[in-house]
Amino acid sequence: MKNYKKILITGLLTILLFNISKKTFAHCEIPCGIYEDTIRIELIKEHIITIEKSMKMIHELSQEDTP
């Protein structure tokens, strides 16, 4: 009977630890370099290019004469 209790407790603790470890290894939204952030950095660079193009277009359109 004591062996069954040990096995049960060990199994429950193992399941508990696996559930905690899933939450512990979550990745944040801030590029930190610990995980593979190259895709996120490339997306940020793409956003910067898009914003620069938009700013340039806004400036050009604001220089045009309006009817």
PDB file of N, CA and C in Angstrom:
ATOM      1  N   MET A   1       0.821  -1.195   0.000  1.00  0.00           N
ATOM      2  CA  MET A   1       0.000   0.000   0.000  1.00  0.00           C
ATOM      3  C   MET A   1       0.863   1.256   0.000  1.00  0.00           C
ATOM      4  N   LYS A   2       1.988   1.219   0.720  1.00  0.00           N
ATOM      5  CA  LYS A   2       2.865   2.382   0.773  1.00  0.00           C
ATOM      6  C   LYS A   2       3.500   2.658  -0.589  1.00  0.00           C
ATOM      7  N   ASN A   3       3.794   1.604  -1.341  1.00  0.00           N
ATOM      8  CA  ASN A   3       4.371   1.788  -2.674  1.00  0.00           C
ATOM      9  C   ASN A   3       3.400   2.502  -3.605  1.00  0.00           C
ATOM     10  N   TYR A   4       2.117   2.183  -3.482  1.00  0.00           N
ATOM     11  CA  TYR A   4       1.116   2.838  -4.320  1.00  0.00           C
ATOM     12  C   TYR A   4       1.030   4.330  -4.006  1.00  0.00           C
ATOM     13  N   LYS A   5       1.145   4.675  -2.719  1.00  0.00           N
ATOM     14  CA  LYS A   5       1.116   6.086  -2.334  1.00  0.00           C
ATOM     15  C   LYS A   5       2.328   6.818  -2.907  1.00  0.00           C
ATOM     16  N   LYS A   6       3.492   6.175  -2.838  1.00  0.00           N
ATOM     17  CA  LYS A   6       4.708   6.788  -3.388  1.00  0.00           C
ATOM     18  C   LYS A   6       4.571   6.999  -4.892  1.00  0.00           C
ATOM     19  N   ILE A   7       4.062   5.990  -5.578  1.00  0.00           N
ATOM     20  CA  ILE A   7       3.895   6.089  -7.031  1.00  0.00           C
ATOM     21  C   ILE A   7       2.885   7.181  -7.368  1.00  0.00           C
ATOM     22  N   LEU A   8       1.780   7.228  -6.616  1.00  0.00           N
ATOM     23  CA  LEU A   8       0.749   8.232  -6.856  1.00  0.00           C
ATOM     24  C   LEU A   8       1.291   9.641  -6.618  1.00  0.00           C
ATOM     25  N   ILE A   9       1.976   9.834  -5.513  1.00  0.00           N
ATOM     26  CA  ILE A   9       2.540  11.153  -5.197  1.00  0.00           C
ATOM     27  C   ILE A   9       3.591  11.546  -6.228  1.00  0.00           C
ATOM     28  N   THR A  10       4.451  10.621  -6.604  1.00  0.00           N
ATOM     29  CA  THR A  10       5.472  10.904  -7.617  1.00  0.00           C
ATOM     30  C   THR A  10       4.833  11.280  -8.948  1.00  0.00           C
ATOM     31  N   GLY A  11       3.798  10.551  -9.339  1.00  0.00           N
ATOM     32  CA  GLY A  11       3.105  10.853 -10.590  1.00  0.00           C
ATOM     33  C   GLY A  11       2.446  12.216 -10.558  1.00  0.00           C
ATOM     34  N   LEU A  12       1.779  12.534  -9.452  1.00  0.00           N
ATOM     35  CA  LEU A  12       1.120  13.837  -9.332  1.00  0.00           C
ATOM     36  C   LEU A  12       2.132  14.982  -9.339  1.00  0.00           C
ATOM     37  N   LEU A  13       3.239  14.807  -8.644  1.00  0.00           N
ATOM     38  CA  LEU A  13       4.277  15.842  -8.638  1.00  0.00           C
ATOM     39  C   LEU A  13       4.886  16.029 -10.024  1.00  0.00           C
ATOM     40  N   THR A  14       5.069  14.943 -10.747  1.00  0.00           N
ATOM     41  CA  THR A  14       5.608  15.027 -12.106  1.00  0.00           C
ATOM     42  C   THR A  14       4.664  15.804 -13.012  1.00  0.00           C
ATOM     43  N   ILE A  15       3.382  15.486 -12.939  1.00  0.00           N
ATOM     44  CA  ILE A  15       2.389  16.209 -13.748  1.00  0.00           C
ATOM     45  C   ILE A  15       2.371  17.682 -13.366  1.00  0.00           C
ATOM     46  N   LEU A  16       2.423  17.974 -12.080  1.00  0.00           N
ATOM     47  CA  LEU A  16       2.429  19.355 -11.609  1.00  0.00           C
ATOM     48  C   LEU A  16       3.650  20.106 -12.130  1.00  0.00           C
ATOM     49  N   LEU A  17       4.810  19.491 -12.072  1.00  0.00           N
ATOM     50  CA  LEU A  17       6.031  20.144 -12.546  1.00  0.00           C
ATOM     51  C   LEU A  17       5.992  20.400 -14.048  1.00  0.00           C
ATOM     52  N   PHE A  18       5.439  19.474 -14.821  1.00  0.00           N
ATOM     53  CA  PHE A  18       5.327  19.687 -16.264  1.00  0.00           C
ATOM     54  C   PHE A  18       4.391  20.850 -16.572  1.00  0.00           C
ATOM     55  N   ASN A  19       3.311  20.980 -15.818  1.00  0.00           N
ATOM     56  CA  ASN A  19       2.391  22.094 -16.042  1.00  0.00           C
ATOM     57  C   ASN A  19       3.035  23.422 -15.683  1.00  0.00           C
ATOM     58  N   ILE A  20       3.806  23.460 -14.629  1.00  0.00           N
ATOM     59  CA  ILE A  20       4.496  24.693 -14.241  1.00  0.00           C
ATOM     60  C   ILE A  20       5.566  25.044 -15.265  1.00  0.00           C
ATOM     61  N   SER A  21       6.287  24.055 -15.756  1.00  0.00           N
ATOM     62  CA  SER A  21       7.380  24.337 -16.688  1.00  0.00           C
ATOM     63  C   SER A  21       6.863  24.891 -18.010  1.00  0.00           C
ATOM     64  N   LYS A  22       5.666  24.529 -18.427  1.00  0.00           N
ATOM     65  CA  LYS A  22       5.099  25.086 -19.658  1.00  0.00           C
ATOM     66  C   LYS A  22       4.898  26.583 -19.516  1.00  0.00           C
ATOM     67  N   LYS A  23       4.463  27.016 -18.352  1.00  0.00           N
ATOM     68  CA  LYS A  23       4.240  28.438 -18.119  1.00  0.00           C
ATOM     69  C   LYS A  23       5.568  29.173 -17.938  1.00  0.00           C
ATOM     70  N   THR A  24       6.534  28.523 -17.380  1.00  0.00           N
ATOM     71  CA  THR A  24       7.818  29.146 -17.091  1.00  0.00           C
ATOM     72  C   THR A  24       8.597  29.464 -18.360  1.00  0.00           C
ATOM     73  N   PHE A  25       8.488  28.646 -19.394  1.00  0.00           N
ATOM     74  CA  PHE A  25       9.279  28.825 -20.594  1.00  0.00           C
ATOM     75  C   PHE A  25       8.587  29.677 -21.655  1.00  0.00           C
ATOM     76  N   ALA A  26       7.565  30.419 -21.268  1.00  0.00           N
ATOM     77  CA  ALA A  26       6.877  31.283 -22.226  1.00  0.00           C
ATOM     78  C   ALA A  26       7.804  32.410 -22.665  1.00  0.00           C
ATOM     79  N   HIS A  27       7.598  32.903 -23.885  1.00  0.00           N
ATOM     80  CA  HIS A  27       8.439  33.947 -24.454  1.00  0.00           C
ATOM     81  C   HIS A  27       7.704  35.277 -24.404  1.00  0.00           C
ATOM     82  N   CYS A  28       8.403  36.304 -24.045  1.00  0.00           N
ATOM     83  CA  CYS A  28       7.789  37.624 -23.959  1.00  0.00           C
ATOM     84  C   CYS A  28       7.707  38.266 -25.342  1.00  0.00           C
ATOM     85  N   GLU A  29       7.080  39.424 -25.415  1.00  0.00           N
ATOM     86  CA  GLU A  29       6.914  40.125 -26.685  1.00  0.00           C
ATOM     87  C   GLU A  29       8.079  41.068 -26.993  1.00  0.00           C
ATOM     88  N   ILE A  30       8.986  41.236 -26.077  1.00  0.00           N
ATOM     89  CA  ILE A  30      10.111  42.144 -26.281  1.00  0.00           C
ATOM     90  C   ILE A  30      11.294  41.349 -26.829  1.00  0.00           C
ATOM     91  N   PRO A  31      11.841  41.754 -27.986  1.00  0.00           N
ATOM     92  CA  PRO A  31      13.012  41.035 -28.510  1.00  0.00           C
ATOM     93  C   PRO A  31      14.188  41.146 -27.541  1.00  0.00           C
ATOM     94  N   CYS A  32      14.641  40.023 -27.021  1.00  0.00           N
ATOM     95  CA  CYS A  32      15.691  40.057 -26.008  1.00  0.00           C
ATOM     96  C   CYS A  32      16.946  39.304 -26.434  1.00  0.00           C
ATOM     97  N   GLY A  33      16.851  38.509 -27.499  1.00  0.00           N
ATOM     98  CA  GLY A  33      18.017  37.785 -27.955  1.00  0.00           C
ATOM     99  C   GLY A  33      18.194  36.426 -27.319  1.00  0.00           C
ATOM    100  N   ILE A  34      17.431  36.136 -26.283  1.00  0.00           N
ATOM    101  CA  ILE A  34      17.553  34.834 -25.642  1.00  0.00           C
ATOM    102  C   ILE A  34      16.984  33.758 -26.551  1.00  0.00           C
ATOM    103  N   TYR A  35      15.854  34.058 -27.148  1.00  0.00           N
ATOM    104  CA  TYR A  35      15.220  33.123 -28.074  1.00  0.00           C
ATOM    105  C   TYR A  35      15.519  33.580 -29.497  1.00  0.00           C
ATOM    106  N   GLU A  36      15.018  32.876 -30.466  1.00  0.00           N
ATOM    107  CA  GLU A  36      15.239  33.204 -31.876  1.00  0.00           C
ATOM    108  C   GLU A  36      14.379  34.412 -32.253  1.00  0.00           C
ATOM    109  N   ASP A  37      14.971  35.589 -32.244  1.00  0.00           N
ATOM    110  CA  ASP A  37      14.232  36.822 -32.507  1.00  0.00           C
ATOM    111  C   ASP A  37      14.503  37.390 -33.891  1.00  0.00           C
ATOM    112  N   THR A  38      15.174  36.662 -34.751  1.00  0.00           N
ATOM    113  CA  THR A  38      15.523  37.224 -36.058  1.00  0.00           C
ATOM    114  C   THR A  38      14.291  37.549 -36.883  1.00  0.00           C
ATOM    115  N   ILE A  39      13.257  36.740 -36.806  1.00  0.00           N
ATOM    116  CA  ILE A  39      12.036  37.027 -37.567  1.00  0.00           C
ATOM    117  C   ILE A  39      11.384  38.299 -37.049  1.00  0.00           C
ATOM    118  N   ARG A  40      11.321  38.456 -35.736  1.00  0.00           N
ATOM    119  CA  ARG A  40      10.714  39.654 -35.154  1.00  0.00           C
ATOM    120  C   ARG A  40      11.512  40.902 -35.544  1.00  0.00           C
ATOM    121  N   ILE A  41      12.824  40.817 -35.544  1.00  0.00           N
ATOM    122  CA  ILE A  41      13.660  41.954 -35.934  1.00  0.00           C
ATOM    123  C   ILE A  41      13.418  42.305 -37.398  1.00  0.00           C
ATOM    124  N   GLU A  42      13.321  41.309 -38.259  1.00  0.00           N
ATOM    125  CA  GLU A  42      13.048  41.565 -39.682  1.00  0.00           C
ATOM    126  C   GLU A  42      11.687  42.230 -39.860  1.00  0.00           C
ATOM    127  N   LEU A  43      10.699  41.814 -39.089  1.00  0.00           N
ATOM    128  CA  LEU A  43       9.382  42.451 -39.168  1.00  0.00           C
ATOM    129  C   LEU A  43       9.440  43.903 -38.709  1.00  0.00           C
ATOM    130  N   ILE A  44      10.203  44.174 -37.663  1.00  0.00           N
ATOM    131  CA  ILE A  44      10.354  45.550 -37.190  1.00  0.00           C
ATOM    132  C   ILE A  44      11.024  46.400 -38.265  1.00  0.00           C
ATOM    133  N   LYS A  45      12.052  45.872 -38.917  1.00  0.00           N
ATOM    134  CA  LYS A  45      12.715  46.604 -40.006  1.00  0.00           C
ATOM    135  C   LYS A  45      11.736  46.887 -41.138  1.00  0.00           C
ATOM    136  N   GLU A  46      10.892  45.911 -41.460  1.00  0.00           N
ATOM    137  CA  GLU A  46       9.891  46.094 -42.515  1.00  0.00           C
ATOM    138  C   GLU A  46       8.894  47.186 -42.121  1.00  0.00           C
ATOM    139  N   HIS A  47       8.498  47.208 -40.858  1.00  0.00           N
ATOM    140  CA  HIS A  47       7.580  48.246 -40.389  1.00  0.00           C
ATOM    141  C   HIS A  47       8.220  49.630 -40.487  1.00  0.00           C
ATOM    142  N   ILE A  48       9.494  49.715 -40.164  1.00  0.00           N
ATOM    143  CA  ILE A  48      10.204  50.997 -40.246  1.00  0.00           C
ATOM    144  C   ILE A  48      10.210  51.500 -41.686  1.00  0.00           C
ATOM    145  N   ILE A  49      10.493  50.623 -42.634  1.00  0.00           N
ATOM    146  CA  ILE A  49      10.505  51.008 -44.052  1.00  0.00           C
ATOM    147  C   ILE A  49       9.123  51.485 -44.479  1.00  0.00           C
ATOM    148  N   THR A  50       8.089  50.782 -44.057  1.00  0.00           N
ATOM    149  CA  THR A  50       6.719  51.162 -44.408  1.00  0.00           C
ATOM    150  C   THR A  50       6.371  52.528 -43.828  1.00  0.00           C
ATOM    151  N   ILE A  51       6.745  52.777 -42.587  1.00  0.00           N
ATOM    152  CA  ILE A  51       6.469  54.065 -41.955  1.00  0.00           C
ATOM    153  C   ILE A  51       7.226  55.178 -42.661  1.00  0.00           C
ATOM    154  N   GLU A  52       8.486  54.944 -43.013  1.00  0.00           N
ATOM    155  CA  GLU A  52       9.266  55.959 -43.731  1.00  0.00           C
ATOM    156  C   GLU A  52       8.633  56.285 -45.081  1.00  0.00           C
ATOM    157  N   LYS A  53       8.175  55.274 -45.813  1.00  0.00           N
ATOM    158  CA  LYS A  53       7.510  55.508 -47.099  1.00  0.00           C
ATOM    159  C   LYS A  53       6.235  56.319 -46.902  1.00  0.00           C
ATOM    160  N   SER A  54       5.488  55.992 -45.874  1.00  0.00           N
ATOM    161  CA  SER A  54       4.250  56.724 -45.598  1.00  0.00           C
ATOM    162  C   SER A  54       4.535  58.177 -45.247  1.00  0.00           C
ATOM    163  N   MET A  55       5.562  58.415 -44.444  1.00  0.00           N
ATOM    164  CA  MET A  55       5.925  59.787 -44.077  1.00  0.00           C
ATOM    165  C   MET A  55       6.343  60.579 -45.307  1.00  0.00           C
ATOM    166  N   LYS A  56       7.111  59.959 -46.188  1.00  0.00           N
ATOM    167  CA  LYS A  56       7.552  60.617 -47.416  1.00  0.00           C
ATOM    168  C   LYS A  56       6.350  60.961 -48.292  1.00  0.00           C
ATOM    169  N   MET A  57       5.414  60.027 -48.421  1.00  0.00           N
ATOM    170  CA  MET A  57       4.241  60.261 -49.246  1.00  0.00           C
ATOM    171  C   MET A  57       3.371  61.373 -48.652  1.00  0.00           C
ATOM    172  N   ILE A  58       3.214  61.395 -47.348  1.00  0.00           N
ATOM    173  CA  ILE A  58       2.448  62.460 -46.695  1.00  0.00           C
ATOM    174  C   ILE A  58       3.099  63.803 -46.955  1.00  0.00           C
ATOM    175  N   HIS A  59       4.407  63.856 -46.858  1.00  0.00           N
ATOM    176  CA  HIS A  59       5.131  65.106 -47.106  1.00  0.00           C
ATOM    177  C   HIS A  59       4.946  65.556 -48.556  1.00  0.00           C
ATOM    178  N   GLU A  60       5.082  64.639 -49.506  1.00  0.00           N
ATOM    179  CA  GLU A  60       4.917  64.978 -50.923  1.00  0.00           C
ATOM    180  C   GLU A  60       3.496  65.448 -51.211  1.00  0.00           C
ATOM    181  N   LEU A  61       2.522  64.784 -50.650  1.00  0.00           N
ATOM    182  CA  LEU A  61       1.131  65.176 -50.882  1.00  0.00           C
ATOM    183  C   LEU A  61       0.805  66.520 -50.241  1.00  0.00           C
ATOM    184  N   SER A  62       1.431  66.817 -49.130  1.00  0.00           N
ATOM    185  CA  SER A  62       1.167  68.104 -48.478  1.00  0.00           C
ATOM    186  C   SER A  62       1.803  69.264 -49.239  1.00  0.00           C
ATOM    187  N   GLN A  63       2.803  68.987 -50.093  1.00  0.00           N
ATOM    188  CA  GLN A  63       3.456  70.025 -50.889  1.00  0.00           C
ATOM    189  C   GLN A  63       2.678  70.358 -52.159  1.00  0.00           C
ATOM    190  N   GLU A  64       1.794  69.469 -52.582  1.00  0.00           N
ATOM    191  CA  GLU A  64       1.030  69.695 -53.804  1.00  0.00           C
ATOM    192  C   GLU A  64      -0.015  70.781 -53.581  1.00  0.00           C
ATOM    193  N   ASP A  65      -0.335  71.469 -54.677  1.00  0.00           N
ATOM    194  CA  ASP A  65      -1.397  72.471 -54.615  1.00  0.00           C
ATOM    195  C   ASP A  65      -2.743  71.760 -54.587  1.00  0.00           C
ATOM    196  N   THR A  66      -3.598  72.225 -53.732  1.00  0.00           N
ATOM    197  CA  THR A  66      -4.938  71.644 -53.685  1.00  0.00           C
ATOM    198  C   THR A  66      -5.881  72.519 -54.496  1.00  0.00           C
ATOM    199  N   PRO A  67      -6.808  71.927 -55.257  1.00  0.00           N
ATOM    200  CA  PRO A  67      -7.706  72.729 -56.104  1.00  0.00           C
ATOM    201  C   PRO A  67      -8.736  73.493 -55.323  1.00  0.00           C
TER     202      PRO A  67
END
